[in-house]
N, C-alpha and C. Protein backbone atom coordinates (compact mmCIF):
# COMPACT_ATOMS: atom_id res chain seq x y z
N MET A 1 -7.93 -3.22 -19.63
CA MET A 1 -7.25 -2.87 -18.36
C MET A 1 -8.13 -3.30 -17.19
N MET A 2 -7.57 -3.98 -16.25
CA MET A 2 -8.30 -4.43 -15.07
C MET A 2 -8.22 -3.37 -13.97
N VAL A 3 -9.34 -3.16 -13.28
CA VAL A 3 -9.37 -2.22 -12.14
C VAL A 3 -9.99 -2.92 -10.93
N ASP A 4 -9.27 -2.95 -9.84
CA ASP A 4 -9.83 -3.51 -8.63
C ASP A 4 -10.74 -2.51 -7.97
N VAL A 5 -11.96 -2.90 -7.60
CA VAL A 5 -12.95 -2.02 -6.94
C VAL A 5 -13.08 -2.46 -5.50
N ILE A 6 -12.70 -1.64 -4.59
CA ILE A 6 -12.71 -1.98 -3.17
C ILE A 6 -14.05 -1.52 -2.55
N LEU A 7 -14.77 -2.48 -1.97
CA LEU A 7 -16.09 -2.17 -1.43
C LEU A 7 -16.04 -2.59 0.11
N PRO A 8 -15.86 -1.57 1.01
CA PRO A 8 -16.00 -1.85 2.42
C PRO A 8 -17.41 -2.26 2.75
N CYS A 9 -17.58 -3.30 3.54
CA CYS A 9 -18.87 -3.92 3.70
C CYS A 9 -19.17 -4.29 5.13
N LEU A 10 -20.32 -3.79 5.62
CA LEU A 10 -20.82 -4.22 6.95
C LEU A 10 -22.34 -4.34 6.80
N ASP A 11 -22.75 -5.61 6.76
CA ASP A 11 -24.21 -5.94 6.66
C ASP A 11 -24.83 -5.30 5.45
N GLU A 12 -24.39 -5.64 4.25
CA GLU A 12 -24.92 -5.14 2.99
C GLU A 12 -25.45 -6.26 2.11
N ALA A 13 -26.01 -7.30 2.71
CA ALA A 13 -26.50 -8.46 2.01
C ALA A 13 -27.57 -8.06 0.95
N GLY A 14 -28.42 -7.09 1.28
CA GLY A 14 -29.47 -6.64 0.38
C GLY A 14 -29.02 -5.84 -0.82
N ALA A 15 -27.83 -5.30 -0.69
CA ALA A 15 -27.31 -4.40 -1.73
C ALA A 15 -26.30 -5.08 -2.66
N LEU A 16 -25.58 -6.11 -2.11
CA LEU A 16 -24.46 -6.66 -2.90
C LEU A 16 -24.83 -7.21 -4.29
N PRO A 17 -25.93 -7.95 -4.41
CA PRO A 17 -26.24 -8.49 -5.72
C PRO A 17 -26.35 -7.38 -6.82
N GLY A 18 -27.04 -6.29 -6.48
CA GLY A 18 -27.15 -5.20 -7.41
C GLY A 18 -25.91 -4.47 -7.68
N VAL A 19 -25.07 -4.25 -6.64
CA VAL A 19 -23.83 -3.52 -6.83
C VAL A 19 -22.84 -4.34 -7.65
N LEU A 20 -22.65 -5.59 -7.26
CA LEU A 20 -21.69 -6.41 -7.97
C LEU A 20 -22.15 -6.67 -9.40
N GLY A 21 -23.43 -6.82 -9.58
CA GLY A 21 -23.99 -7.09 -10.97
C GLY A 21 -23.87 -5.95 -11.83
N ALA A 22 -23.66 -4.70 -11.34
CA ALA A 22 -23.57 -3.49 -12.10
C ALA A 22 -22.15 -3.12 -12.47
N LEU A 23 -21.15 -3.83 -11.90
CA LEU A 23 -19.77 -3.50 -12.27
C LEU A 23 -19.50 -3.72 -13.73
N PRO A 24 -18.86 -2.75 -14.42
CA PRO A 24 -18.55 -2.89 -15.80
C PRO A 24 -17.54 -4.03 -16.05
N ASP A 25 -17.40 -4.49 -17.26
CA ASP A 25 -16.38 -5.47 -17.60
C ASP A 25 -15.02 -4.88 -17.32
N GLY A 26 -14.15 -5.76 -16.75
CA GLY A 26 -12.79 -5.29 -16.44
C GLY A 26 -12.67 -4.67 -15.06
N TYR A 27 -13.76 -4.62 -14.28
CA TYR A 27 -13.73 -4.12 -12.94
C TYR A 27 -13.98 -5.28 -11.98
N ARG A 28 -13.04 -5.56 -11.12
CA ARG A 28 -13.01 -6.71 -10.28
C ARG A 28 -13.31 -6.32 -8.83
N ALA A 29 -14.28 -6.96 -8.22
CA ALA A 29 -14.73 -6.52 -6.87
C ALA A 29 -13.85 -7.17 -5.80
N ILE A 30 -13.43 -6.35 -4.84
CA ILE A 30 -12.86 -6.81 -3.60
C ILE A 30 -13.73 -6.35 -2.46
N VAL A 31 -14.49 -7.22 -1.94
CA VAL A 31 -15.43 -6.94 -0.81
C VAL A 31 -14.68 -7.13 0.49
N VAL A 32 -14.59 -6.11 1.27
CA VAL A 32 -13.87 -6.19 2.57
C VAL A 32 -14.93 -6.25 3.67
N ASP A 33 -15.11 -7.43 4.15
CA ASP A 33 -16.13 -7.63 5.25
C ASP A 33 -15.59 -7.13 6.55
N ASN A 34 -16.38 -6.31 7.20
CA ASN A 34 -15.89 -5.66 8.46
C ASN A 34 -16.71 -6.14 9.67
N GLY A 35 -17.04 -7.45 9.60
CA GLY A 35 -17.77 -8.02 10.75
C GLY A 35 -19.26 -8.19 10.49
N SER A 36 -19.66 -8.42 9.27
CA SER A 36 -21.11 -8.60 8.93
C SER A 36 -21.75 -9.80 9.63
N GLY A 37 -22.99 -9.68 10.01
CA GLY A 37 -23.69 -10.79 10.61
C GLY A 37 -24.87 -11.26 9.74
N ASP A 38 -24.97 -10.75 8.54
CA ASP A 38 -26.10 -11.07 7.68
C ASP A 38 -25.72 -11.93 6.48
N GLY A 39 -24.57 -12.53 6.47
CA GLY A 39 -24.19 -13.37 5.38
C GLY A 39 -23.58 -12.61 4.20
N SER A 40 -23.20 -11.37 4.39
CA SER A 40 -22.66 -10.57 3.25
C SER A 40 -21.44 -11.25 2.62
N PRO A 41 -20.45 -11.67 3.40
CA PRO A 41 -19.26 -12.30 2.74
C PRO A 41 -19.58 -13.51 1.91
N GLU A 42 -20.52 -14.37 2.33
CA GLU A 42 -20.87 -15.52 1.60
C GLU A 42 -21.57 -15.19 0.29
N ILE A 43 -22.38 -14.17 0.39
CA ILE A 43 -23.11 -13.68 -0.86
C ILE A 43 -22.09 -13.12 -1.86
N ALA A 44 -21.18 -12.32 -1.34
CA ALA A 44 -20.16 -11.73 -2.24
C ALA A 44 -19.30 -12.80 -2.93
N ALA A 45 -18.92 -13.78 -2.16
CA ALA A 45 -18.08 -14.86 -2.70
C ALA A 45 -18.86 -15.64 -3.79
N ALA A 46 -20.15 -15.93 -3.47
CA ALA A 46 -20.97 -16.66 -4.42
C ALA A 46 -21.15 -15.86 -5.72
N LEU A 47 -21.06 -14.54 -5.65
CA LEU A 47 -21.20 -13.72 -6.83
C LEU A 47 -19.92 -13.45 -7.56
N GLY A 48 -18.86 -14.06 -7.12
CA GLY A 48 -17.57 -13.99 -7.76
C GLY A 48 -16.64 -12.96 -7.27
N ALA A 49 -16.96 -12.27 -6.17
CA ALA A 49 -16.09 -11.24 -5.64
C ALA A 49 -14.95 -11.89 -4.82
N LYS A 50 -13.83 -11.22 -4.76
CA LYS A 50 -12.76 -11.57 -3.81
C LYS A 50 -13.15 -11.04 -2.47
N VAL A 51 -13.18 -11.85 -1.41
CA VAL A 51 -13.59 -11.39 -0.11
C VAL A 51 -12.38 -11.32 0.82
N VAL A 52 -12.23 -10.24 1.47
CA VAL A 52 -11.18 -9.96 2.47
C VAL A 52 -11.87 -9.69 3.82
N HIS A 53 -11.37 -10.33 4.89
CA HIS A 53 -11.96 -10.14 6.22
C HIS A 53 -11.07 -9.20 7.03
N GLU A 54 -11.67 -8.09 7.50
CA GLU A 54 -10.97 -7.17 8.34
C GLU A 54 -11.66 -7.11 9.66
N PRO A 55 -11.04 -7.71 10.71
CA PRO A 55 -11.69 -7.76 12.04
C PRO A 55 -11.75 -6.41 12.80
N ARG A 56 -10.81 -5.54 12.46
CA ARG A 56 -10.83 -4.19 13.11
C ARG A 56 -11.95 -3.36 12.56
N ARG A 57 -12.88 -2.96 13.42
CA ARG A 57 -14.05 -2.17 12.93
C ARG A 57 -13.54 -0.81 12.54
N GLY A 58 -14.11 -0.30 11.41
CA GLY A 58 -13.85 1.04 10.98
C GLY A 58 -13.75 1.10 9.50
N TYR A 59 -14.31 2.19 8.93
CA TYR A 59 -14.30 2.37 7.50
C TYR A 59 -12.82 2.38 6.95
N GLY A 60 -12.00 3.11 7.62
CA GLY A 60 -10.58 3.24 7.14
C GLY A 60 -9.87 1.90 7.21
N ALA A 61 -10.16 1.12 8.25
CA ALA A 61 -9.53 -0.20 8.36
C ALA A 61 -9.92 -1.11 7.20
N ALA A 62 -11.20 -1.09 6.89
CA ALA A 62 -11.70 -1.92 5.77
C ALA A 62 -11.15 -1.43 4.41
N VAL A 63 -11.09 -0.14 4.22
CA VAL A 63 -10.58 0.40 2.95
C VAL A 63 -9.13 0.10 2.81
N HIS A 64 -8.34 0.25 3.87
CA HIS A 64 -6.89 -0.04 3.77
C HIS A 64 -6.62 -1.51 3.52
N SER A 65 -7.36 -2.38 4.14
CA SER A 65 -7.19 -3.80 3.88
C SER A 65 -7.49 -4.16 2.43
N GLY A 66 -8.49 -3.50 1.86
CA GLY A 66 -8.73 -3.69 0.47
C GLY A 66 -7.69 -3.19 -0.41
N LEU A 67 -7.13 -2.05 -0.08
CA LEU A 67 -6.06 -1.43 -0.87
C LEU A 67 -4.83 -2.43 -0.85
N GLU A 68 -4.53 -2.95 0.26
CA GLU A 68 -3.40 -3.88 0.44
C GLU A 68 -3.65 -5.18 -0.37
N ALA A 69 -4.90 -5.59 -0.48
CA ALA A 69 -5.28 -6.84 -1.18
C ALA A 69 -5.30 -6.62 -2.71
N ALA A 70 -5.49 -5.37 -3.14
CA ALA A 70 -5.54 -5.07 -4.57
C ALA A 70 -4.25 -5.38 -5.28
N THR A 71 -4.31 -5.69 -6.53
CA THR A 71 -3.12 -5.94 -7.31
C THR A 71 -3.03 -5.06 -8.59
N THR A 72 -4.06 -4.35 -8.91
CA THR A 72 -4.06 -3.60 -10.22
C THR A 72 -3.40 -2.24 -9.94
N ASP A 73 -2.96 -1.66 -11.05
CA ASP A 73 -2.33 -0.30 -10.96
C ASP A 73 -3.34 0.74 -10.51
N LEU A 74 -4.49 0.75 -11.13
CA LEU A 74 -5.54 1.71 -10.70
C LEU A 74 -6.49 0.96 -9.80
N VAL A 75 -6.96 1.66 -8.78
CA VAL A 75 -7.94 1.09 -7.84
C VAL A 75 -9.05 2.05 -7.66
N ALA A 76 -10.26 1.49 -7.46
CA ALA A 76 -11.45 2.31 -7.26
C ALA A 76 -12.11 2.00 -5.87
N PHE A 77 -12.79 2.89 -5.30
CA PHE A 77 -13.44 2.73 -4.01
C PHE A 77 -14.88 3.11 -4.19
N LEU A 78 -15.76 2.26 -3.63
CA LEU A 78 -17.21 2.43 -3.80
C LEU A 78 -17.92 1.92 -2.57
N ASP A 79 -18.93 2.67 -2.12
CA ASP A 79 -19.78 2.18 -1.01
C ASP A 79 -20.55 0.99 -1.55
N ALA A 80 -20.79 0.04 -0.64
CA ALA A 80 -21.45 -1.24 -1.04
C ALA A 80 -22.93 -1.21 -0.72
N ASP A 81 -23.57 -0.05 -0.46
CA ASP A 81 -24.92 -0.04 -0.03
C ASP A 81 -25.90 0.23 -1.16
N GLY A 82 -25.39 0.37 -2.37
CA GLY A 82 -26.31 0.53 -3.52
C GLY A 82 -26.68 1.96 -3.81
N SER A 83 -26.08 2.92 -3.07
CA SER A 83 -26.48 4.30 -3.27
C SER A 83 -25.77 4.93 -4.41
N LEU A 84 -24.70 4.31 -4.94
CA LEU A 84 -23.86 4.84 -6.01
C LEU A 84 -23.84 3.83 -7.08
N ASP A 85 -23.71 4.28 -8.33
CA ASP A 85 -23.81 3.43 -9.52
C ASP A 85 -22.38 3.02 -10.00
N PRO A 86 -21.98 1.76 -9.92
CA PRO A 86 -20.68 1.36 -10.38
C PRO A 86 -20.44 1.68 -11.83
N ARG A 87 -21.45 1.86 -12.63
CA ARG A 87 -21.35 2.16 -14.05
C ARG A 87 -20.77 3.53 -14.30
N GLU A 88 -20.68 4.37 -13.26
CA GLU A 88 -20.07 5.65 -13.40
C GLU A 88 -18.57 5.64 -13.13
N LEU A 89 -18.03 4.53 -12.73
CA LEU A 89 -16.62 4.50 -12.45
C LEU A 89 -15.71 4.68 -13.63
N PRO A 90 -16.06 4.24 -14.86
CA PRO A 90 -15.15 4.46 -16.02
C PRO A 90 -14.84 5.89 -16.29
N ARG A 91 -15.73 6.84 -15.97
CA ARG A 91 -15.45 8.28 -16.15
C ARG A 91 -14.22 8.71 -15.20
N LEU A 92 -14.25 8.20 -13.95
CA LEU A 92 -13.21 8.53 -13.06
C LEU A 92 -11.91 7.87 -13.39
N VAL A 93 -12.00 6.65 -13.87
CA VAL A 93 -10.83 5.92 -14.32
C VAL A 93 -10.18 6.64 -15.53
N ALA A 94 -11.00 7.11 -16.40
CA ALA A 94 -10.45 7.85 -17.59
C ALA A 94 -9.76 9.09 -17.21
N ALA A 95 -10.23 9.74 -16.16
CA ALA A 95 -9.56 10.97 -15.70
C ALA A 95 -8.16 10.71 -15.17
N VAL A 96 -8.05 9.62 -14.42
CA VAL A 96 -6.70 9.26 -13.92
C VAL A 96 -5.78 8.83 -15.04
N GLN A 97 -6.32 8.03 -15.95
CA GLN A 97 -5.51 7.63 -17.15
C GLN A 97 -5.14 8.88 -17.95
N GLY A 98 -5.89 9.92 -17.89
CA GLY A 98 -5.64 11.16 -18.61
C GLY A 98 -4.71 12.14 -17.94
N GLY A 99 -4.30 11.80 -16.69
CA GLY A 99 -3.33 12.67 -16.02
C GLY A 99 -3.68 13.09 -14.62
N ALA A 100 -4.90 12.93 -14.17
CA ALA A 100 -5.25 13.23 -12.83
C ALA A 100 -4.64 12.22 -11.85
N ASP A 101 -4.30 12.73 -10.65
CA ASP A 101 -3.76 11.82 -9.64
C ASP A 101 -4.91 11.21 -8.82
N LEU A 102 -6.02 11.88 -8.75
CA LEU A 102 -7.19 11.38 -7.96
C LEU A 102 -8.44 11.88 -8.60
N ALA A 103 -9.39 10.98 -8.89
CA ALA A 103 -10.71 11.40 -9.39
C ALA A 103 -11.73 11.03 -8.34
N VAL A 104 -12.62 11.95 -8.02
CA VAL A 104 -13.63 11.75 -6.95
C VAL A 104 -14.90 12.09 -7.47
N GLY A 105 -15.96 11.64 -6.80
CA GLY A 105 -17.33 11.92 -7.19
C GLY A 105 -17.99 12.96 -6.24
N ARG A 106 -18.82 13.81 -6.85
CA ARG A 106 -19.64 14.76 -6.06
C ARG A 106 -21.05 14.28 -6.18
N ARG A 107 -21.62 13.86 -5.04
CA ARG A 107 -22.95 13.24 -5.11
C ARG A 107 -24.08 14.22 -5.43
N VAL A 108 -24.89 13.81 -6.37
CA VAL A 108 -26.07 14.62 -6.80
C VAL A 108 -27.30 13.74 -6.59
N PRO A 109 -28.15 14.04 -5.54
CA PRO A 109 -29.32 13.27 -5.30
C PRO A 109 -30.26 13.16 -6.50
N VAL A 110 -30.70 11.99 -6.76
CA VAL A 110 -31.63 11.78 -7.92
C VAL A 110 -33.07 11.96 -7.51
N GLU A 111 -33.33 12.00 -6.23
CA GLU A 111 -34.71 12.22 -5.72
C GLU A 111 -34.58 12.82 -4.31
N ARG A 112 -35.72 13.41 -3.90
CA ARG A 112 -35.70 14.05 -2.58
C ARG A 112 -35.64 13.01 -1.44
N GLY A 113 -34.95 13.38 -0.37
CA GLY A 113 -34.93 12.57 0.78
C GLY A 113 -33.83 11.52 0.85
N VAL A 114 -33.02 11.36 -0.17
CA VAL A 114 -31.99 10.32 -0.21
C VAL A 114 -30.74 10.78 0.63
N TRP A 115 -30.61 12.11 0.86
CA TRP A 115 -29.47 12.65 1.61
C TRP A 115 -29.98 13.45 2.75
N PRO A 116 -30.08 12.82 3.97
CA PRO A 116 -30.64 13.53 5.15
C PRO A 116 -29.92 14.86 5.40
N TRP A 117 -30.65 15.76 5.97
CA TRP A 117 -30.14 17.15 6.17
C TRP A 117 -28.87 17.13 7.02
N HIS A 118 -28.87 16.29 8.04
CA HIS A 118 -27.67 16.32 8.99
C HIS A 118 -26.42 15.85 8.24
N ALA A 119 -26.59 14.83 7.39
CA ALA A 119 -25.40 14.33 6.70
C ALA A 119 -24.97 15.29 5.64
N LYS A 120 -25.91 15.90 4.94
CA LYS A 120 -25.58 16.91 3.89
C LYS A 120 -24.91 18.14 4.51
N ALA A 121 -25.35 18.56 5.67
CA ALA A 121 -24.78 19.71 6.32
C ALA A 121 -23.38 19.44 6.81
N GLY A 122 -23.16 18.25 7.40
CA GLY A 122 -21.79 17.87 7.84
C GLY A 122 -20.85 17.75 6.71
N ASN A 123 -21.26 17.23 5.57
CA ASN A 123 -20.45 17.11 4.42
C ASN A 123 -20.10 18.49 3.84
N ALA A 124 -21.09 19.37 3.78
CA ALA A 124 -20.85 20.73 3.28
C ALA A 124 -19.84 21.50 4.11
N LEU A 125 -19.93 21.33 5.44
CA LEU A 125 -19.01 21.98 6.32
C LEU A 125 -17.58 21.53 6.12
N LEU A 126 -17.40 20.20 6.03
CA LEU A 126 -16.05 19.67 5.87
C LEU A 126 -15.48 20.07 4.48
N ALA A 127 -16.34 20.03 3.44
CA ALA A 127 -15.86 20.43 2.14
C ALA A 127 -15.48 21.94 2.09
N ALA A 128 -16.19 22.75 2.85
CA ALA A 128 -15.83 24.15 2.91
C ALA A 128 -14.48 24.37 3.56
N LEU A 129 -14.24 23.56 4.60
CA LEU A 129 -12.96 23.63 5.29
C LEU A 129 -11.80 23.22 4.36
N LEU A 130 -12.07 22.22 3.57
CA LEU A 130 -11.06 21.78 2.60
C LEU A 130 -10.80 22.86 1.54
N ARG A 131 -11.84 23.49 1.06
CA ARG A 131 -11.63 24.58 0.06
C ARG A 131 -10.84 25.69 0.64
N ARG A 132 -10.95 26.00 1.92
CA ARG A 132 -10.12 27.01 2.59
C ARG A 132 -8.66 26.63 2.53
N ARG A 133 -8.43 25.30 2.40
CA ARG A 133 -7.02 24.89 2.33
C ARG A 133 -6.56 24.75 0.88
N GLY A 134 -7.40 25.13 -0.06
CA GLY A 134 -7.02 25.16 -1.42
C GLY A 134 -7.46 23.93 -2.21
N LEU A 135 -8.24 23.08 -1.62
CA LEU A 135 -8.69 21.87 -2.31
C LEU A 135 -10.08 22.14 -2.86
N GLU A 136 -10.18 22.17 -4.23
CA GLU A 136 -11.42 22.49 -4.89
C GLU A 136 -12.34 21.29 -4.98
N VAL A 137 -12.94 20.89 -3.91
CA VAL A 137 -13.86 19.74 -3.88
C VAL A 137 -15.12 20.22 -3.16
N SER A 138 -16.23 19.54 -3.47
CA SER A 138 -17.55 19.87 -2.91
C SER A 138 -18.13 18.74 -2.11
N ASP A 139 -17.41 17.60 -2.00
CA ASP A 139 -17.89 16.45 -1.33
C ASP A 139 -16.73 15.63 -0.70
N ILE A 140 -17.03 14.98 0.40
CA ILE A 140 -16.08 14.02 0.96
C ILE A 140 -16.56 12.68 0.40
N ALA A 141 -16.26 12.45 -0.82
CA ALA A 141 -16.95 11.42 -1.64
C ALA A 141 -16.57 10.00 -1.29
N PRO A 142 -17.58 9.14 -1.24
CA PRO A 142 -17.35 7.68 -1.05
C PRO A 142 -17.03 6.96 -2.34
N ILE A 143 -16.79 7.67 -3.41
CA ILE A 143 -16.40 7.02 -4.66
C ILE A 143 -15.16 7.74 -5.19
N ARG A 144 -14.12 7.02 -5.53
CA ARG A 144 -12.88 7.65 -5.96
C ARG A 144 -11.97 6.62 -6.68
N VAL A 145 -11.02 7.13 -7.47
CA VAL A 145 -10.13 6.28 -8.24
C VAL A 145 -8.73 6.95 -8.11
N ALA A 146 -7.72 6.13 -7.98
CA ALA A 146 -6.37 6.64 -7.97
C ALA A 146 -5.46 5.47 -8.24
N ARG A 147 -4.14 5.70 -8.32
CA ARG A 147 -3.16 4.68 -8.50
C ARG A 147 -2.81 4.08 -7.13
N ARG A 148 -2.80 2.73 -7.10
CA ARG A 148 -2.58 2.03 -5.86
C ARG A 148 -1.24 2.43 -5.18
N ALA A 149 -0.19 2.43 -5.93
CA ALA A 149 1.15 2.75 -5.34
C ALA A 149 1.16 4.18 -4.77
N ASP A 150 0.50 5.10 -5.45
CA ASP A 150 0.47 6.46 -4.98
C ASP A 150 -0.30 6.58 -3.64
N LEU A 151 -1.37 5.82 -3.56
CA LEU A 151 -2.20 5.88 -2.33
C LEU A 151 -1.41 5.31 -1.16
N LEU A 152 -0.72 4.20 -1.42
CA LEU A 152 0.06 3.62 -0.30
C LEU A 152 1.15 4.56 0.16
N ALA A 153 1.72 5.28 -0.82
CA ALA A 153 2.83 6.21 -0.49
C ALA A 153 2.37 7.39 0.27
N LEU A 154 1.07 7.71 0.24
CA LEU A 154 0.57 8.87 1.06
C LEU A 154 0.66 8.55 2.55
N GLY A 155 0.60 7.31 2.93
CA GLY A 155 0.73 6.96 4.33
C GLY A 155 -0.46 7.36 5.19
N ILE A 156 -1.66 7.05 4.69
CA ILE A 156 -2.87 7.38 5.40
C ILE A 156 -2.99 6.49 6.63
N THR A 157 -3.22 7.10 7.78
CA THR A 157 -3.15 6.32 9.06
C THR A 157 -4.53 6.16 9.75
N ASP A 158 -5.53 7.00 9.36
CA ASP A 158 -6.82 6.94 10.00
C ASP A 158 -7.51 5.58 9.58
N ARG A 159 -8.11 4.96 10.57
CA ARG A 159 -8.77 3.66 10.29
C ARG A 159 -10.25 3.75 10.65
N ALA A 160 -10.75 5.03 10.82
CA ALA A 160 -12.17 5.18 11.10
C ALA A 160 -12.77 6.02 9.96
N PHE A 161 -13.75 6.84 10.28
CA PHE A 161 -14.45 7.62 9.29
C PHE A 161 -13.62 8.77 8.69
N GLY A 162 -12.44 9.05 9.37
CA GLY A 162 -11.64 10.09 8.95
C GLY A 162 -10.75 9.79 7.68
N TYR A 163 -10.82 8.55 7.25
CA TYR A 163 -9.92 8.12 6.17
C TYR A 163 -10.07 8.93 4.94
N PRO A 164 -11.28 9.14 4.39
CA PRO A 164 -11.39 9.82 3.09
C PRO A 164 -10.93 11.31 3.21
N LEU A 165 -11.13 11.94 4.40
CA LEU A 165 -10.70 13.30 4.59
C LEU A 165 -9.18 13.37 4.67
N GLU A 166 -8.57 12.39 5.41
CA GLU A 166 -7.08 12.42 5.44
C GLU A 166 -6.50 12.20 4.04
N LEU A 167 -7.13 11.36 3.28
CA LEU A 167 -6.74 11.17 1.89
C LEU A 167 -6.68 12.44 1.11
N LEU A 168 -7.76 13.24 1.23
CA LEU A 168 -7.84 14.51 0.48
C LEU A 168 -6.82 15.51 1.02
N VAL A 169 -6.65 15.59 2.31
CA VAL A 169 -5.71 16.49 2.92
C VAL A 169 -4.28 16.19 2.45
N LYS A 170 -3.90 14.92 2.57
CA LYS A 170 -2.55 14.53 2.22
C LYS A 170 -2.32 14.65 0.63
N ALA A 171 -3.39 14.36 -0.09
CA ALA A 171 -3.27 14.55 -1.58
C ALA A 171 -3.02 16.03 -1.88
N GLY A 172 -3.70 16.96 -1.17
CA GLY A 172 -3.44 18.35 -1.38
C GLY A 172 -2.06 18.82 -1.02
N ARG A 173 -1.55 18.25 0.08
CA ARG A 173 -0.17 18.56 0.51
C ARG A 173 0.81 18.07 -0.53
N ALA A 174 0.50 16.97 -1.17
CA ALA A 174 1.39 16.38 -2.17
C ALA A 174 1.24 16.99 -3.56
N ASP A 175 0.36 18.08 -3.61
CA ASP A 175 0.13 18.74 -4.90
C ASP A 175 -0.46 17.79 -5.93
N TRP A 176 -1.35 16.86 -5.55
CA TRP A 176 -1.96 15.96 -6.52
C TRP A 176 -2.95 16.84 -7.29
N ARG A 177 -3.10 16.40 -8.57
CA ARG A 177 -4.16 16.96 -9.46
C ARG A 177 -5.46 16.18 -9.16
N ILE A 178 -6.44 16.82 -8.61
CA ILE A 178 -7.71 16.21 -8.23
C ILE A 178 -8.82 16.69 -9.12
N GLU A 179 -9.55 15.76 -9.72
CA GLU A 179 -10.66 16.13 -10.54
C GLU A 179 -11.95 15.53 -9.94
N GLU A 180 -12.96 16.38 -9.94
CA GLU A 180 -14.25 15.98 -9.30
C GLU A 180 -15.36 15.86 -10.35
N PHE A 181 -16.17 14.85 -10.26
CA PHE A 181 -17.24 14.63 -11.21
C PHE A 181 -18.55 14.38 -10.54
N GLU A 182 -19.64 14.90 -11.10
CA GLU A 182 -20.98 14.61 -10.59
C GLU A 182 -21.33 13.14 -10.72
N VAL A 183 -21.82 12.56 -9.63
CA VAL A 183 -22.28 11.17 -9.73
C VAL A 183 -23.66 11.10 -9.12
N SER A 184 -24.45 10.16 -9.58
CA SER A 184 -25.80 10.06 -9.10
C SER A 184 -25.80 9.45 -7.68
N TYR A 185 -26.67 10.01 -6.82
CA TYR A 185 -26.76 9.50 -5.47
C TYR A 185 -28.24 9.15 -5.22
N ARG A 186 -28.45 7.89 -4.94
CA ARG A 186 -29.80 7.36 -4.87
C ARG A 186 -30.08 6.67 -3.56
N GLU A 187 -31.33 6.21 -3.42
CA GLU A 187 -31.73 5.51 -2.18
C GLU A 187 -30.92 4.17 -2.09
N ARG A 188 -30.50 3.86 -0.86
CA ARG A 188 -29.79 2.66 -0.66
C ARG A 188 -30.75 1.45 -0.87
N ALA A 189 -30.12 0.29 -1.11
CA ALA A 189 -30.91 -0.93 -1.27
C ALA A 189 -31.72 -1.23 -0.05
N LYS A 190 -32.89 -1.85 -0.20
CA LYS A 190 -33.77 -2.18 0.93
C LYS A 190 -32.98 -3.10 1.84
N GLY A 191 -33.17 -2.80 3.16
CA GLY A 191 -32.56 -3.65 4.15
C GLY A 191 -31.17 -3.12 4.60
N THR A 192 -30.69 -2.07 3.94
CA THR A 192 -29.38 -1.55 4.37
C THR A 192 -29.58 -0.17 4.95
N LYS A 193 -28.63 0.19 5.81
CA LYS A 193 -28.74 1.47 6.50
C LYS A 193 -27.33 2.09 6.56
N SER A 194 -27.21 3.37 6.18
CA SER A 194 -25.90 4.02 6.19
C SER A 194 -25.38 4.09 7.62
N LYS A 195 -24.09 3.82 7.79
CA LYS A 195 -23.48 3.95 9.12
C LYS A 195 -23.16 5.39 9.47
N VAL A 196 -23.25 6.27 8.44
CA VAL A 196 -22.96 7.70 8.69
C VAL A 196 -24.27 8.49 8.62
N SER A 197 -24.90 8.56 7.42
CA SER A 197 -26.06 9.44 7.24
C SER A 197 -27.36 8.77 7.73
N GLY A 198 -27.29 7.49 8.16
CA GLY A 198 -28.50 6.84 8.60
C GLY A 198 -29.04 7.36 9.90
N SER A 199 -28.22 8.12 10.67
CA SER A 199 -28.70 8.67 11.92
C SER A 199 -27.86 9.95 12.23
N VAL A 200 -28.39 10.83 13.08
CA VAL A 200 -27.67 11.99 13.50
C VAL A 200 -26.45 11.60 14.26
N ARG A 201 -26.59 10.54 15.13
CA ARG A 201 -25.42 10.06 15.87
C ARG A 201 -24.29 9.59 14.95
N GLY A 202 -24.65 8.84 13.87
CA GLY A 202 -23.64 8.36 12.95
C GLY A 202 -22.95 9.50 12.25
N THR A 203 -23.68 10.51 11.89
CA THR A 203 -23.12 11.70 11.22
C THR A 203 -22.12 12.43 12.15
N LEU A 204 -22.59 12.61 13.46
CA LEU A 204 -21.77 13.29 14.39
C LEU A 204 -20.48 12.55 14.64
N ARG A 205 -20.59 11.24 14.71
CA ARG A 205 -19.37 10.40 14.89
C ARG A 205 -18.39 10.53 13.72
N ALA A 206 -18.96 10.59 12.52
CA ALA A 206 -18.08 10.74 11.30
C ALA A 206 -17.44 12.11 11.30
N VAL A 207 -18.19 13.14 11.64
CA VAL A 207 -17.67 14.53 11.64
C VAL A 207 -16.59 14.64 12.69
N ARG A 208 -16.82 13.95 13.89
CA ARG A 208 -15.82 13.96 14.98
C ARG A 208 -14.49 13.35 14.46
N ASP A 209 -14.60 12.19 13.79
CA ASP A 209 -13.42 11.52 13.29
C ASP A 209 -12.66 12.38 12.27
N MET A 210 -13.43 13.06 11.40
CA MET A 210 -12.88 13.87 10.37
C MET A 210 -12.30 15.16 10.97
N GLY A 211 -12.94 15.66 12.02
CA GLY A 211 -12.38 16.85 12.62
C GLY A 211 -11.06 16.60 13.25
N ARG A 212 -10.82 15.43 13.78
CA ARG A 212 -9.51 15.08 14.35
C ARG A 212 -8.44 15.13 13.27
N VAL A 213 -8.85 14.70 12.01
CA VAL A 213 -7.85 14.73 10.95
C VAL A 213 -7.49 16.18 10.61
N LEU A 214 -8.48 17.11 10.57
CA LEU A 214 -8.17 18.50 10.28
C LEU A 214 -7.38 19.20 11.41
N ALA A 215 -7.47 18.66 12.61
CA ALA A 215 -6.80 19.25 13.73
C ALA A 215 -5.28 18.88 13.78
N ARG A 216 -4.89 17.90 13.03
CA ARG A 216 -3.47 17.43 13.10
C ARG A 216 -2.53 18.47 12.51
């Protein structure tokens, strides 16, 4: 069974070789370039990935473009910075094949310092708010698997950092069965920097975008 793996990408040249090289057999990369200036799309194409260009800046814009470009029944989403291991995707895929509507990862740092305090605190706050709504999740995870048609039917409209939170909120409203799995969270590849946890400003911007989703 083939699974399309959507990787939103903004200046991840240093991480792409490792990430794409670690994809299991049967997992096809769709790298959605969001305006990189470091040659990321050329590197991805040379490594055999399908490259999609999304000129509208924003995590949600890149993810949605990748979802539209995907052709497989099941689709996976993974950050392209090397912090997550693509070899953990089959566990999530198996959960959806077994009856879950959405499988998500809960990041577990493999060493100290990989998850800055401000990013971890913001994530914990948002996850707590989701649990108050009845969603038993512990992370606004950047790794997830679901059926492509079901995701499109949810009608997610956020095109910024609020996309994954809107996905969880709407999945909860639709009574989706959501299963969460521990996944390793490690240091990003050299030369890459998180657009969210890489700075307090980035984290605050992400929390702002996600807060707007919860306020709807």
